[in-house]
Amino acid sequence: AGAGFQLGSEKFGALTVPVGPGNLEMQLQL
């Protein structure tokens, strides 16, 4: 999942924030 979403986002050309699951505090801050 993570690798696929990142591959596609980078090919598409969007800025990618690869956080992964969990760590709600980091998720919300980023």
PDB file of all heavy atoms in Angstrom:
ATOM      1  N   ALA A   1       0.811  -1.221   0.000  1.00  0.00           N
ATOM      2  CA  ALA A   1       0.000   0.000   0.000  1.00  0.00           C
ATOM      3  C   ALA A   1       0.843   1.268   0.000  1.00  0.00           C
ATOM      4  O   ALA A   1       0.707   2.128  -0.876  1.00  0.00           O
ATOM      5  CB  ALA A   1      -0.947  -0.002   1.196  1.00  0.00           C
ATOM      6  N   GLY A   2       1.719   1.430   0.996  1.00  0.00           N
ATOM      7  CA  GLY A   2       2.491   2.660   1.094  1.00  0.00           C
ATOM      8  C   GLY A   2       3.344   2.907  -0.130  1.00  0.00           C
ATOM      9  O   GLY A   2       3.362   4.007  -0.695  1.00  0.00           O
ATOM     10  N   ALA A   3       4.053   1.864  -0.576  1.00  0.00           N
ATOM     11  CA  ALA A   3       4.907   2.001  -1.752  1.00  0.00           C
ATOM     12  C   ALA A   3       4.092   2.377  -2.983  1.00  0.00           C
ATOM     13  O   ALA A   3       4.507   3.216  -3.795  1.00  0.00           O
ATOM     14  CB  ALA A   3       5.668   0.698  -1.993  1.00  0.00           C
ATOM     15  N   GLY A   4       2.907   1.769  -3.130  1.00  0.00           N
ATOM     16  CA  GLY A   4       2.086   2.045  -4.294  1.00  0.00           C
ATOM     17  C   GLY A   4       1.540   3.459  -4.315  1.00  0.00           C
ATOM     18  O   GLY A   4       1.607   4.152  -5.342  1.00  0.00           O
ATOM     19  N   PHE A   5       0.996   3.901  -3.197  1.00  0.00           N
ATOM     20  CA  PHE A   5       0.484   5.265  -3.135  1.00  0.00           C
ATOM     21  C   PHE A   5       1.593   6.273  -3.398  1.00  0.00           C
ATOM     22  O   PHE A   5       1.382   7.295  -4.050  1.00  0.00           O
ATOM     23  CB  PHE A   5      -0.156   5.525  -1.773  1.00  0.00           C
ATOM     24  CG  PHE A   5      -1.579   5.037  -1.658  1.00  0.00           C
ATOM     25  CD1 PHE A   5      -1.887   3.895  -0.941  1.00  0.00           C
ATOM     26  CD2 PHE A   5      -2.617   5.717  -2.275  1.00  0.00           C
ATOM     27  CE1 PHE A   5      -3.193   3.445  -0.833  1.00  0.00           C
ATOM     28  CE2 PHE A   5      -3.930   5.278  -2.180  1.00  0.00           C
ATOM     29  CZ  PHE A   5      -4.219   4.138  -1.456  1.00  0.00           C
ATOM     30  N   GLN A   6       2.789   6.001  -2.868  1.00  0.00           N
ATOM     31  CA  GLN A   6       3.901   6.928  -3.071  1.00  0.00           C
ATOM     32  C   GLN A   6       4.381   6.917  -4.525  1.00  0.00           C
ATOM     33  O   GLN A   6       4.610   7.974  -5.118  1.00  0.00           O
ATOM     34  CB  GLN A   6       5.058   6.587  -2.129  1.00  0.00           C
ATOM     35  CG  GLN A   6       6.224   7.568  -2.255  1.00  0.00           C
ATOM     36  CD  GLN A   6       7.240   7.418  -1.139  1.00  0.00           C
ATOM     37  OE1 GLN A   6       6.937   6.894  -0.081  1.00  0.00           O
ATOM     38  NE2 GLN A   6       8.448   7.904  -1.389  1.00  0.00           N
ATOM     39  N   LEU A   7       4.549   5.724  -5.102  1.00  0.00           N
ATOM     40  CA  LEU A   7       4.944   5.625  -6.507  1.00  0.00           C
ATOM     41  C   LEU A   7       4.004   6.435  -7.400  1.00  0.00           C
ATOM     42  O   LEU A   7       4.445   7.203  -8.262  1.00  0.00           O
ATOM     43  CB  LEU A   7       4.911   4.168  -6.960  1.00  0.00           C
ATOM     44  CG  LEU A   7       6.114   3.272  -6.714  1.00  0.00           C
ATOM     45  CD1 LEU A   7       5.744   1.821  -7.029  1.00  0.00           C
ATOM     46  CD2 LEU A   7       7.298   3.702  -7.562  1.00  0.00           C
ATOM     47  N   GLY A   8       2.708   6.240  -7.187  1.00  0.00           N
ATOM     48  CA  GLY A   8       1.726   6.908  -8.026  1.00  0.00           C
ATOM     49  C   GLY A   8       1.707   8.405  -7.831  1.00  0.00           C
ATOM     50  O   GLY A   8       1.588   9.176  -8.796  1.00  0.00           O
ATOM     51  N   SER A   9       1.832   8.855  -6.588  1.00  0.00           N
ATOM     52  CA  SER A   9       1.816  10.283  -6.303  1.00  0.00           C
ATOM     53  C   SER A   9       3.009  10.979  -6.942  1.00  0.00           C
ATOM     54  O   SER A   9       2.898  12.064  -7.509  1.00  0.00           O
ATOM     55  CB  SER A   9       1.814  10.514  -4.787  1.00  0.00           C
ATOM     56  OG  SER A   9       1.810  11.899  -4.483  1.00  0.00           O
ATOM     57  N   GLU A  10       4.162  10.331  -6.853  1.00  0.00           N
ATOM     58  CA  GLU A  10       5.369  10.931  -7.438  1.00  0.00           C
ATOM     59  C   GLU A  10       5.295  10.938  -8.965  1.00  0.00           C
ATOM     60  O   GLU A  10       5.695  11.912  -9.605  1.00  0.00           O
ATOM     61  CB  GLU A  10       6.597  10.169  -6.950  1.00  0.00           C
ATOM     62  CG  GLU A  10       6.863  10.394  -5.462  1.00  0.00           C
ATOM     63  CD  GLU A  10       7.884   9.446  -4.862  1.00  0.00           C
ATOM     64  OE1 GLU A  10       8.257   8.457  -5.545  1.00  0.00           O
ATOM     65  OE2 GLU A  10       8.298   9.685  -3.722  1.00  0.00           O
ATOM     66  N   LYS A  11       4.781   9.858  -9.566  1.00  0.00           N
ATOM     67  CA  LYS A  11       4.616   9.840 -11.029  1.00  0.00           C
ATOM     68  C   LYS A  11       3.596  10.885 -11.457  1.00  0.00           C
ATOM     69  O   LYS A  11       3.774  11.561 -12.470  1.00  0.00           O
ATOM     70  CB  LYS A  11       4.182   8.453 -11.500  1.00  0.00           C
ATOM     71  CG  LYS A  11       4.092   8.340 -13.028  1.00  0.00           C
ATOM     72  CD  LYS A  11       3.801   6.919 -13.461  1.00  0.00           C
ATOM     73  CE  LYS A  11       3.764   6.795 -14.988  1.00  0.00           C
ATOM     74  NZ  LYS A  11       5.072   7.069 -15.606  1.00  0.00           N
ATOM     75  N   PHE A  12       2.530  11.027 -10.671  1.00  0.00           N
ATOM     76  CA  PHE A  12       1.499  12.016 -10.970  1.00  0.00           C
ATOM     77  C   PHE A  12       2.045  13.434 -10.856  1.00  0.00           C
ATOM     78  O   PHE A  12       1.642  14.332 -11.593  1.00  0.00           O
ATOM     79  CB  PHE A  12       0.324  11.814 -10.006  1.00  0.00           C
ATOM     80  CG  PHE A  12      -0.827  12.743 -10.238  1.00  0.00           C
ATOM     81  CD1 PHE A  12      -1.706  12.524 -11.297  1.00  0.00           C
ATOM     82  CD2 PHE A  12      -1.035  13.836  -9.405  1.00  0.00           C
ATOM     83  CE1 PHE A  12      -2.770  13.389 -11.507  1.00  0.00           C
ATOM     84  CE2 PHE A  12      -2.098  14.700  -9.620  1.00  0.00           C
ATOM     85  CZ  PHE A  12      -2.977  14.476 -10.673  1.00  0.00           C
ATOM     86  N   GLY A  13       2.970  13.638  -9.908  1.00  0.00           N
ATOM     87  CA  GLY A  13       3.602  14.945  -9.769  1.00  0.00           C
ATOM     88  C   GLY A  13       3.133  15.758  -8.584  1.00  0.00           C
ATOM     89  O   GLY A  13       3.382  16.970  -8.523  1.00  0.00           O
ATOM     90  N   ALA A  14       2.474  15.123  -7.615  1.00  0.00           N
ATOM     91  CA  ALA A  14       2.030  15.836  -6.417  1.00  0.00           C
ATOM     92  C   ALA A  14       3.092  15.750  -5.322  1.00  0.00           C
ATOM     93  O   ALA A  14       3.870  14.799  -5.273  1.00  0.00           O
ATOM     94  CB  ALA A  14       0.718  15.237  -5.913  1.00  0.00           C
ATOM     95  N   LEU A  15       3.111  16.741  -4.440  1.00  0.00           N
ATOM     96  CA  LEU A  15       3.985  16.669  -3.271  1.00  0.00           C
ATOM     97  C   LEU A  15       3.502  15.535  -2.386  1.00  0.00           C
ATOM     98  O   LEU A  15       2.321  15.450  -2.068  1.00  0.00           O
ATOM     99  CB  LEU A  15       3.960  17.997  -2.507  1.00  0.00           C
ATOM    100  CG  LEU A  15       4.950  18.171  -1.350  1.00  0.00           C
ATOM    101  CD1 LEU A  15       5.271  19.645  -1.139  1.00  0.00           C
ATOM    102  CD2 LEU A  15       4.429  17.573  -0.053  1.00  0.00           C
ATOM    103  N   THR A  16       4.417  14.667  -1.985  1.00  0.00           N
ATOM    104  CA  THR A  16       4.055  13.461  -1.250  1.00  0.00           C
ATOM    105  C   THR A  16       4.566  13.529   0.180  1.00  0.00           C
ATOM    106  O   THR A  16       5.740  13.850   0.407  1.00  0.00           O
ATOM    107  CB  THR A  16       4.640  12.217  -1.946  1.00  0.00           C
ATOM    108  OG1 THR A  16       4.262  12.238  -3.324  1.00  0.00           O
ATOM    109  CG2 THR A  16       4.143  10.938  -1.305  1.00  0.00           C
ATOM    110  N   VAL A  17       3.682  13.223   1.135  1.00  0.00           N
ATOM    111  CA  VAL A  17       4.025  13.215   2.563  1.00  0.00           C
ATOM    112  C   VAL A  17       3.887  11.770   3.054  1.00  0.00           C
ATOM    113  O   VAL A  17       2.811  11.340   3.449  1.00  0.00           O
ATOM    114  CB  VAL A  17       3.098  14.156   3.370  1.00  0.00           C
ATOM    115  CG1 VAL A  17       3.562  14.247   4.816  1.00  0.00           C
ATOM    116  CG2 VAL A  17       3.053  15.541   2.728  1.00  0.00           C
ATOM    117  N   PRO A  18       4.970  10.978   3.035  1.00  0.00           N
ATOM    118  CA  PRO A  18       4.880   9.537   3.335  1.00  0.00           C
ATOM    119  C   PRO A  18       5.001   9.233   4.820  1.00  0.00           C
ATOM    120  O   PRO A  18       6.056   8.853   5.312  1.00  0.00           O
ATOM    121  CB  PRO A  18       6.067   8.967   2.547  1.00  0.00           C
ATOM    122  CG  PRO A  18       7.082  10.061   2.572  1.00  0.00           C
ATOM    123  CD  PRO A  18       6.331  11.366   2.605  1.00  0.00           C
ATOM    124  N   VAL A  19       3.895   9.338   5.549  1.00  0.00           N
ATOM    125  CA  VAL A  19       3.926   9.177   7.007  1.00  0.00           C
ATOM    126  C   VAL A  19       3.819   7.709   7.427  1.00  0.00           C
ATOM    127  O   VAL A  19       4.456   7.278   8.385  1.00  0.00           O
ATOM    128  CB  VAL A  19       2.785   9.986   7.676  1.00  0.00           C
ATOM    129  CG1 VAL A  19       2.932   9.960   9.192  1.00  0.00           C
ATOM    130  CG2 VAL A  19       2.777  11.420   7.171  1.00  0.00           C
ATOM    131  N   GLY A  20       3.008   6.925   6.711  1.00  0.00           N
ATOM    132  CA  GLY A  20       2.717   5.578   7.173  1.00  0.00           C
ATOM    133  C   GLY A  20       1.561   5.594   8.154  1.00  0.00           C
ATOM    134  O   GLY A  20       0.996   6.648   8.465  1.00  0.00           O
ATOM    135  N   PRO A  21       1.172   4.434   8.687  1.00  0.00           N
ATOM    136  CA  PRO A  21       0.011   4.368   9.586  1.00  0.00           C
ATOM    137  C   PRO A  21       0.371   4.798  11.001  1.00  0.00           C
ATOM    138  O   PRO A  21       1.548   4.892  11.372  1.00  0.00           O
ATOM    139  CB  PRO A  21      -0.354   2.887   9.545  1.00  0.00           C
ATOM    140  CG  PRO A  21       0.967   2.199   9.342  1.00  0.00           C
ATOM    141  CD  PRO A  21       1.775   3.114   8.450  1.00  0.00           C
ATOM    142  N   GLY A  22      -0.675   5.039  11.812  1.00  0.00           N
ATOM    143  CA  GLY A  22      -0.454   5.341  13.225  1.00  0.00           C
ATOM    144  C   GLY A  22       0.071   6.736  13.470  1.00  0.00           C
ATOM    145  O   GLY A  22       0.034   7.615  12.617  1.00  0.00           O
ATOM    146  N   ASN A  23       0.597   6.949  14.692  1.00  0.00           N
ATOM    147  CA  ASN A  23       1.215   8.215  15.111  1.00  0.00           C
ATOM    148  C   ASN A  23       0.302   9.400  14.806  1.00  0.00           C
ATOM    149  O   ASN A  23       0.622  10.278  13.991  1.00  0.00           O
ATOM    150  CB  ASN A  23       2.572   8.387  14.434  1.00  0.00           C
ATOM    151  CG  ASN A  23       3.474   9.329  15.224  1.00  0.00           C
ATOM    152  OD1 ASN A  23       2.987  10.212  15.921  1.00  0.00           O
ATOM    153  ND2 ASN A  23       4.774   9.137  15.106  1.00  0.00           N
ATOM    154  N   LEU A  24      -0.835   9.441  15.487  1.00  0.00           N
ATOM    155  CA  LEU A  24      -1.831  10.474  15.207  1.00  0.00           C
ATOM    156  C   LEU A  24      -1.304  11.884  15.409  1.00  0.00           C
ATOM    157  O   LEU A  24      -1.646  12.800  14.661  1.00  0.00           O
ATOM    158  CB  LEU A  24      -3.065  10.245  16.093  1.00  0.00           C
ATOM    159  CG  LEU A  24      -3.990   9.114  15.669  1.00  0.00           C
ATOM    160  CD1 LEU A  24      -5.108   8.943  16.675  1.00  0.00           C
ATOM    161  CD2 LEU A  24      -4.557   9.383  14.287  1.00  0.00           C
ATOM    162  N   GLU A  25      -0.457  12.060  16.423  1.00  0.00           N
ATOM    163  CA  GLU A  25       0.070  13.404  16.681  1.00  0.00           C
ATOM    164  C   GLU A  25       0.868  13.909  15.475  1.00  0.00           C
ATOM    165  O   GLU A  25       0.705  15.057  15.037  1.00  0.00           O
ATOM    166  CB  GLU A  25       0.958  13.386  17.927  1.00  0.00           C
ATOM    167  CG  GLU A  25       1.478  14.770  18.319  1.00  0.00           C
ATOM    168  CD  GLU A  25       2.307  14.743  19.596  1.00  0.00           C
ATOM    169  OE1 GLU A  25       2.353  13.694  20.261  1.00  0.00           O
ATOM    170  OE2 GLU A  25       2.912  15.785  19.922  1.00  0.00           O
ATOM    171  N   MET A  26       1.722  13.049  14.917  1.00  0.00           N
ATOM    172  CA  MET A  26       2.487  13.444  13.734  1.00  0.00           C
ATOM    173  C   MET A  26       1.574  13.639  12.533  1.00  0.00           C
ATOM    174  O   MET A  26       1.755  14.576  11.743  1.00  0.00           O
ATOM    175  CB  MET A  26       3.548  12.390  13.416  1.00  0.00           C
ATOM    176  CG  MET A  26       4.410  12.746  12.202  1.00  0.00           C
ATOM    177  SD  MET A  26       5.521  11.399  11.689  1.00  0.00           S
ATOM    178  CE  MET A  26       6.592  11.316  13.128  1.00  0.00           C
ATOM    179  N   GLN A  27       0.594  12.744  12.387  1.00  0.00           N
ATOM    180  CA  GLN A  27      -0.333  12.860  11.266  1.00  0.00           C
ATOM    181  C   GLN A  27      -1.016  14.223  11.274  1.00  0.00           C
ATOM    182  O   GLN A  27      -1.087  14.916  10.238  1.00  0.00           O
ATOM    183  CB  GLN A  27      -1.401  11.768  11.334  1.00  0.00           C
ATOM    184  CG  GLN A  27      -0.898  10.342  11.223  1.00  0.00           C
ATOM    185  CD  GLN A  27      -0.647   9.879   9.812  1.00  0.00           C
ATOM    186  OE1 GLN A  27      -0.786  10.640   8.859  1.00  0.00           O
ATOM    187  NE2 GLN A  27      -0.254   8.619   9.659  1.00  0.00           N
ATOM    188  N   LEU A  28      -1.545  14.599  12.429  1.00  0.00           N
ATOM    189  CA  LEU A  28      -2.288  15.856  12.531  1.00  0.00           C
ATOM    190  C   LEU A  28      -1.375  17.057  12.332  1.00  0.00           C
ATOM    191  O   LEU A  28      -1.756  18.043  11.687  1.00  0.00           O
ATOM    192  CB  LEU A  28      -2.996  15.934  13.882  1.00  0.00           C
ATOM    193  CG  LEU A  28      -4.086  14.879  14.119  1.00  0.00           C
ATOM    194  CD1 LEU A  28      -4.612  14.966  15.541  1.00  0.00           C
ATOM    195  CD2 LEU A  28      -5.233  15.048  13.131  1.00  0.00           C
ATOM    196  N   GLN A  29      -0.162  17.002  12.891  1.00  0.00           N
ATOM    197  CA  GLN A  29       0.763  18.124  12.748  1.00  0.00           C
ATOM    198  C   GLN A  29       1.155  18.330  11.288  1.00  0.00           C
ATOM    199  O   GLN A  29       1.135  19.455  10.775  1.00  0.00           O
ATOM    200  CB  GLN A  29       2.020  17.894  13.591  1.00  0.00           C
ATOM    201  CG  GLN A  29       3.018  19.051  13.493  1.00  0.00           C
ATOM    202  CD  GLN A  29       4.274  18.808  14.322  1.00  0.00           C
ATOM    203  OE1 GLN A  29       4.372  17.827  15.038  1.00  0.00           O
ATOM    204  NE2 GLN A  29       5.227  19.723  14.212  1.00  0.00           N
ATOM    205  N   LEU A  30       1.518  17.231  10.611  1.00  0.00           N
ATOM    206  CA  LEU A  30       1.925  17.351   9.216  1.00  0.00           C
ATOM    207  C   LEU A  30       0.750  17.739   8.328  1.00  0.00           C
ATOM    208  O   LEU A  30       0.909  18.490   7.361  1.00  0.00           O
ATOM    209  CB  LEU A  30       2.544  16.040   8.739  1.00  0.00           C
ATOM    210  CG  LEU A  30       3.944  15.747   9.280  1.00  0.00           C
ATOM    211  CD1 LEU A  30       4.380  14.327   8.910  1.00  0.00           C
ATOM    212  CD2 LEU A  30       4.948  16.759   8.739  1.00  0.00           C
TER     213      LEU A  30
END
